[in-house]
Amino acid sequence: MSEAGATVDLNSDLGEGFGIWTLGDDQALLGVVTSANVACGFHAGDPDILRRVCAQAAERGVVIGAQVGYHDLAGFGRRAMDVNPGTLTNDVIYQIAALDGFARVAGTRVRYVKPHGALYNTAVHDLAQAVAVVEAILLYDASLPLMGLPGSVLLTLAHEAGLRTVTEAFADRGYTSEGTLVPRSQPEALLHDPRQVAERMTRMVTTGQVPAVDGTEITVRADSICVHGDSPGALEMAVAVRQALTAAGVDIRPFAS
C-alpha cells in the first residue's frame, strides 16, 4: 500500500442522525466514498435512517459496513463504558443483524464491521472489549472483515481468530507519535483544511509515512481511509482526498465486494 499505483478504499461514517436530528450529508458523501460505515442504532441511527442509507448505498454501488458502538445515544458513542464482555458481544451481534436486515431489503448485505468512537479506541488496547467484538463477528458471520487501527489489540486478536482484518487511516484526525489518534479533547485532534488533509493522505498512501502532532514521522499503512461524516467540511475533505489520490495514480475502490 505504499507505492504510487496502489489501491485504497475510501470510507465515511454515515447514517448518524436520529429522528428529526440530522448529521452530515449522507447522500453527497455516498457519491464520493467506496465504503459506508453505517450507524446501527446504538450510538446513532434509527430504522428509517438505516433503511434510507442502505438503499442509497446499494443504488450507488457503495459497500455497506456495520458501524457498531456502545449503547450510548446521548453521548454519540464517544463515552468510555465498562460493558460486560458477554453483553458487548450480544450488543454487537444485535447491531450487525439490524443493519444487515435493511441491507438485504435493499438487495445487498453488510460486508464488514467497524467499531465506532469509544469502542473503537478502547479496543485498540483493551483485551476484554476486543475479544467481545471479535467473538460477535465469529458468531454472526466469520466471513465479515473487521476494520480497525493498525497495530491494535483488536486487529491482532481478529487475525489470530481467522478473521480478515482491514487497516484504517484517518484523514481528518491527528496522530500521536505512537500511531494512535489524538483524543478529541486535546488540541490538534481534528483537521479541517481539505488541502492539508488531502496532502497527508496522499503521502500516507504513496510513502507509508504521516506526520504526528509532535512533528515526528510515523509509519501508517492502511487499506482504507476514513473521513468522518460528522466533521465540519466532511464532503469537501472527502472530495479533496479522492481527487488528490486519483491524481497520484492511486486506484480507489472498496476492499470488500
Protein backbone atom coordinates (compact mmCIF):
# COMPACT_ATOMS: atom_id res chain seq x y z
CA MET A 1 0.00 0.00 0.00
CA SER A 2 3.00 2.31 -0.02
CA GLU A 3 3.66 2.86 -3.69
CA ALA A 4 2.06 5.05 -6.31
CA GLY A 5 -0.42 2.97 -8.26
CA ALA A 6 -1.64 1.31 -5.07
CA THR A 7 -5.27 0.60 -4.28
CA VAL A 8 -7.08 2.10 -1.30
CA ASP A 9 -10.64 2.24 -0.06
CA LEU A 10 -12.32 5.49 0.98
CA ASN A 11 -14.87 5.21 3.77
CA SER A 12 -17.09 7.52 5.82
CA ASP A 13 -19.35 7.18 8.87
CA LEU A 14 -22.92 7.63 7.69
CA GLY A 15 -26.48 7.35 8.98
CA GLU A 16 -25.59 9.19 12.16
CA GLY A 17 -28.79 11.14 12.64
CA PHE A 18 -31.72 10.19 14.87
CA GLY A 19 -35.38 11.08 14.45
CA ILE A 20 -35.65 14.72 13.41
CA TRP A 21 -31.93 15.33 14.00
CA THR A 22 -29.59 15.03 11.01
CA LEU A 23 -25.81 14.90 10.98
CA GLY A 24 -23.68 15.12 7.87
CA ASP A 25 -24.65 14.86 4.21
CA ASP A 26 -25.05 11.12 3.65
CA GLN A 27 -26.33 11.34 0.10
CA ALA A 28 -23.49 13.59 -1.09
CA LEU A 29 -20.81 11.51 0.62
CA LEU A 30 -22.18 8.35 -0.96
CA GLY A 31 -21.20 9.91 -4.29
CA VAL A 32 -17.56 10.10 -3.17
CA VAL A 33 -16.74 7.17 -0.89
CA THR A 34 -16.47 3.50 -1.79
CA SER A 35 -17.49 2.10 1.61
CA ALA A 36 -20.08 3.34 4.11
CA ASN A 37 -19.79 2.67 7.83
CA VAL A 38 -23.48 2.86 8.73
CA ALA A 39 -24.57 3.52 12.32
CA CYS A 40 -26.67 0.65 13.61
CA GLY A 41 -28.94 2.40 16.10
CA PHE A 42 -26.91 2.28 19.31
CA HIS A 43 -24.81 5.45 19.04
CA ALA A 44 -26.93 6.94 16.24
CA GLY A 45 -29.40 5.94 13.56
CA ASP A 46 -32.96 4.68 13.62
CA PRO A 47 -34.92 2.27 11.38
CA ASP A 48 -35.91 4.98 8.90
CA ILE A 49 -32.32 6.19 8.58
CA LEU A 50 -30.87 2.68 8.34
CA ARG A 51 -33.23 1.77 5.54
CA ARG A 52 -32.68 5.02 3.65
CA VAL A 53 -28.89 4.91 3.80
CA CYS A 54 -28.76 1.23 2.86
CA ALA A 55 -31.00 1.89 -0.14
CA GLN A 56 -28.91 4.86 -1.25
CA ALA A 57 -25.65 2.96 -0.79
CA ALA A 58 -26.94 -0.01 -2.77
CA GLU A 59 -28.10 2.30 -5.55
CA ARG A 60 -24.66 3.93 -5.73
CA GLY A 61 -22.75 0.65 -5.52
CA VAL A 62 -21.18 1.64 -2.20
CA VAL A 63 -20.24 -1.23 0.09
CA ILE A 64 -22.10 -1.27 3.42
CA GLY A 65 -20.33 -1.88 6.73
CA ALA A 66 -21.83 -2.13 10.21
CA GLN A 67 -20.52 0.60 12.48
CA VAL A 68 -21.10 -0.88 15.91
CA GLY A 69 -20.73 1.05 19.13
CA TYR A 70 -21.68 1.34 22.77
CA HIS A 71 -25.36 1.73 23.63
CA ASP A 72 -24.97 5.48 24.12
CA LEU A 73 -27.24 7.72 22.05
CA ALA A 74 -26.84 10.66 24.44
CA GLY A 75 -23.05 10.54 24.19
CA PHE A 76 -22.93 9.62 20.49
CA GLY A 77 -20.98 6.52 21.47
CA ARG A 78 -17.94 8.58 22.38
CA ARG A 79 -18.05 7.99 26.14
CA ALA A 80 -15.93 5.17 27.53
CA MET A 81 -18.09 2.47 29.09
CA ASP A 82 -17.30 -0.57 31.20
CA VAL A 83 -19.58 -3.03 29.43
CA ASN A 84 -19.66 -6.70 30.45
CA PRO A 85 -17.90 -8.59 27.63
CA GLY A 86 -20.79 -11.01 27.18
CA THR A 87 -23.24 -8.14 26.90
CA LEU A 88 -20.95 -6.33 24.48
CA THR A 89 -20.80 -9.41 22.25
CA ASN A 90 -24.58 -9.54 22.20
CA ASP A 91 -24.80 -5.79 21.55
CA VAL A 92 -22.52 -6.12 18.53
CA ILE A 93 -24.46 -9.10 17.14
CA TYR A 94 -27.70 -7.14 17.57
CA GLN A 95 -26.33 -4.15 15.67
CA ILE A 96 -24.87 -6.14 12.78
CA ALA A 97 -28.10 -8.07 12.38
CA ALA A 98 -30.25 -4.93 12.41
CA LEU A 99 -28.25 -3.26 9.65
CA ASP A 100 -27.91 -6.48 7.70
CA GLY A 101 -31.69 -6.75 7.60
CA PHE A 102 -32.06 -3.35 5.95
CA ALA A 103 -29.11 -4.05 3.64
CA ARG A 104 -30.81 -7.23 2.45
CA VAL A 105 -34.06 -5.36 1.86
CA ALA A 106 -32.01 -3.04 -0.38
CA GLY A 107 -30.67 -6.00 -2.33
CA THR A 108 -27.25 -6.22 -0.73
CA ARG A 109 -25.81 -7.14 2.68
CA VAL A 110 -23.38 -5.99 5.35
CA ARG A 111 -19.85 -6.66 4.05
CA TYR A 112 -17.68 -5.70 7.02
CA VAL A 113 -17.70 -4.45 10.62
CA LYS A 114 -16.08 -1.37 12.12
CA PRO A 115 -16.34 -0.27 15.77
CA HIS A 116 -17.32 3.32 16.45
CA GLY A 117 -16.00 6.02 18.76
CA ALA A 118 -15.13 4.96 22.28
CA LEU A 119 -15.44 1.28 21.43
CA TYR A 120 -13.01 1.71 18.53
CA ASN A 121 -10.45 3.44 20.75
CA THR A 122 -10.95 1.13 23.74
CA ALA A 123 -10.49 -1.99 21.63
CA VAL A 124 -7.11 -0.66 20.49
CA HIS A 125 -5.67 -1.75 23.84
CA ASP A 126 -8.40 -3.38 25.98
CA LEU A 127 -8.20 -7.16 25.64
CA ALA A 128 -11.64 -7.98 27.05
CA GLN A 129 -13.50 -5.47 24.87
CA ALA A 130 -11.56 -6.54 21.79
CA VAL A 131 -12.31 -10.21 22.45
CA ALA A 132 -16.02 -9.39 22.79
CA VAL A 133 -16.12 -7.68 19.38
CA VAL A 134 -14.21 -10.49 17.67
CA GLU A 135 -16.45 -13.10 19.27
CA ALA A 136 -19.56 -11.34 17.96
CA ILE A 137 -18.30 -11.43 14.38
CA LEU A 138 -17.25 -15.07 14.66
CA LEU A 139 -20.71 -15.97 15.92
CA TYR A 140 -22.65 -13.89 13.37
CA ASP A 141 -20.59 -14.36 10.21
CA ALA A 142 -16.90 -15.22 10.30
CA SER A 143 -16.53 -14.16 6.66
CA LEU A 144 -17.01 -10.48 7.59
CA PRO A 145 -13.79 -8.44 7.62
CA LEU A 146 -13.07 -6.30 10.68
CA MET A 147 -11.78 -2.75 10.21
CA GLY A 148 -9.60 -1.11 12.84
CA LEU A 149 -6.44 0.75 13.75
CA PRO A 150 -3.12 -0.77 12.57
CA GLY A 151 -1.27 -2.46 15.44
CA SER A 152 -4.33 -2.59 17.68
CA VAL A 153 -5.14 -5.44 20.04
CA LEU A 154 -8.45 -5.73 18.20
CA LEU A 155 -6.92 -6.49 14.80
CA THR A 156 -4.26 -8.76 16.33
CA LEU A 157 -6.92 -10.89 18.01
CA ALA A 158 -9.10 -10.87 14.89
CA HIS A 159 -6.20 -12.09 12.75
CA GLU A 160 -5.40 -14.83 15.25
CA ALA A 161 -9.05 -15.89 15.19
CA GLY A 162 -9.00 -16.22 11.41
CA LEU A 163 -10.93 -13.08 10.54
CA ARG A 164 -9.87 -10.89 7.65
CA THR A 165 -8.53 -7.61 9.03
CA VAL A 166 -8.64 -4.22 7.32
CA THR A 167 -6.31 -1.46 8.49
CA GLU A 168 -7.56 2.10 8.53
CA ALA A 169 -6.12 5.62 8.46
CA PHE A 170 -8.00 8.79 9.39
CA ALA A 171 -7.85 11.72 7.01
CA ASP A 172 -9.27 14.26 9.44
CA ARG A 173 -7.64 13.19 12.72
CA GLY A 174 -4.29 13.97 14.30
CA TYR A 175 -1.92 11.13 15.21
CA THR A 176 0.26 10.70 18.29
CA SER A 177 3.85 9.58 17.91
CA GLU A 178 2.67 6.08 18.97
CA GLY A 179 0.36 5.88 15.95
CA THR A 180 -2.86 6.28 17.92
CA LEU A 181 -5.44 9.04 17.46
CA VAL A 182 -5.13 12.24 19.45
CA PRO A 183 -8.09 12.32 21.88
CA ARG A 184 -10.83 14.67 20.72
CA SER A 185 -10.47 16.66 23.96
CA GLN A 186 -6.91 17.68 23.07
CA PRO A 187 -5.57 20.27 20.62
CA GLU A 188 -4.85 19.13 17.05
CA ALA A 189 -7.21 16.19 17.35
CA LEU A 190 -9.27 17.33 14.37
CA LEU A 191 -8.08 18.58 10.99
CA HIS A 192 -10.23 20.89 8.89
CA ASP A 193 -8.21 22.06 5.87
CA PRO A 194 -9.14 19.94 2.82
CA ARG A 195 -5.81 20.64 1.12
CA GLN A 196 -3.79 19.62 4.18
CA VAL A 197 -5.90 16.50 4.66
CA ALA A 198 -5.52 15.51 1.00
CA GLU A 199 -1.75 16.03 1.05
CA ARG A 200 -1.37 13.97 4.24
CA MET A 201 -3.37 11.06 2.86
CA THR A 202 -1.62 11.09 -0.50
CA ARG A 203 1.70 10.99 1.30
CA MET A 204 0.49 8.19 3.56
CA VAL A 205 -0.67 6.01 0.67
CA THR A 206 2.36 6.64 -1.56
CA THR A 207 5.11 6.59 1.11
CA GLY A 208 3.62 4.96 4.19
CA GLN A 209 4.52 8.00 6.29
CA VAL A 210 2.40 10.65 8.03
CA PRO A 211 3.44 13.41 10.45
CA ALA A 212 2.39 13.09 14.09
CA VAL A 213 1.28 16.14 16.07
CA ASP A 214 4.72 16.40 17.71
CA GLY A 215 6.40 16.65 14.29
CA THR A 216 7.80 13.13 14.17
CA GLU A 217 7.20 10.89 11.18
CA ILE A 218 5.26 7.71 11.84
CA THR A 219 4.54 4.73 9.63
CA VAL A 220 0.88 4.20 8.78
CA ARG A 221 -0.10 1.61 6.20
CA ALA A 222 -3.80 1.37 5.61
CA ASP A 223 -6.24 -0.48 3.38
CA SER A 224 -8.89 2.19 3.87
CA ILE A 225 -9.05 5.92 4.59
CA CYS A 226 -11.82 7.37 6.74
CA VAL A 227 -13.36 10.83 6.55
CA HIS A 228 -15.76 11.27 9.45
CA GLY A 229 -19.21 12.12 8.14
CA ASP A 230 -19.94 14.40 11.12
CA SER A 231 -16.78 16.50 10.73
CA PRO A 232 -17.25 20.11 9.56
CA GLY A 233 -16.43 20.19 5.86
CA ALA A 234 -16.53 16.38 5.58
CA LEU A 235 -17.71 16.43 1.97
CA GLU A 236 -15.05 18.92 0.88
CA MET A 237 -12.35 16.85 2.58
CA ALA A 238 -13.56 13.60 1.04
CA VAL A 239 -13.63 15.14 -2.43
CA ALA A 240 -10.15 16.63 -1.96
CA VAL A 241 -8.73 13.31 -0.77
CA ARG A 242 -10.25 11.40 -3.66
CA GLN A 243 -9.07 13.91 -6.25
CA ALA A 244 -5.53 14.03 -4.82
CA LEU A 245 -5.20 10.25 -4.66
CA THR A 246 -6.52 9.83 -8.18
CA ALA A 247 -4.05 12.43 -9.42
CA ALA A 248 -1.28 10.48 -7.73
CA GLY A 249 -2.25 7.33 -9.62
CA VAL A 250 -3.94 5.59 -6.71
CA ASP A 251 -6.82 3.29 -7.58
CA ILE A 252 -9.75 3.99 -5.24
CA ARG A 253 -12.07 1.03 -4.80
CA PRO A 254 -13.72 -0.93 -1.97
CA PHE A 255 -11.73 -3.60 -0.15
CA ALA A 256 -14.88 -5.77 0.08
CA SER A 257 -17.26 -6.81 -2.66
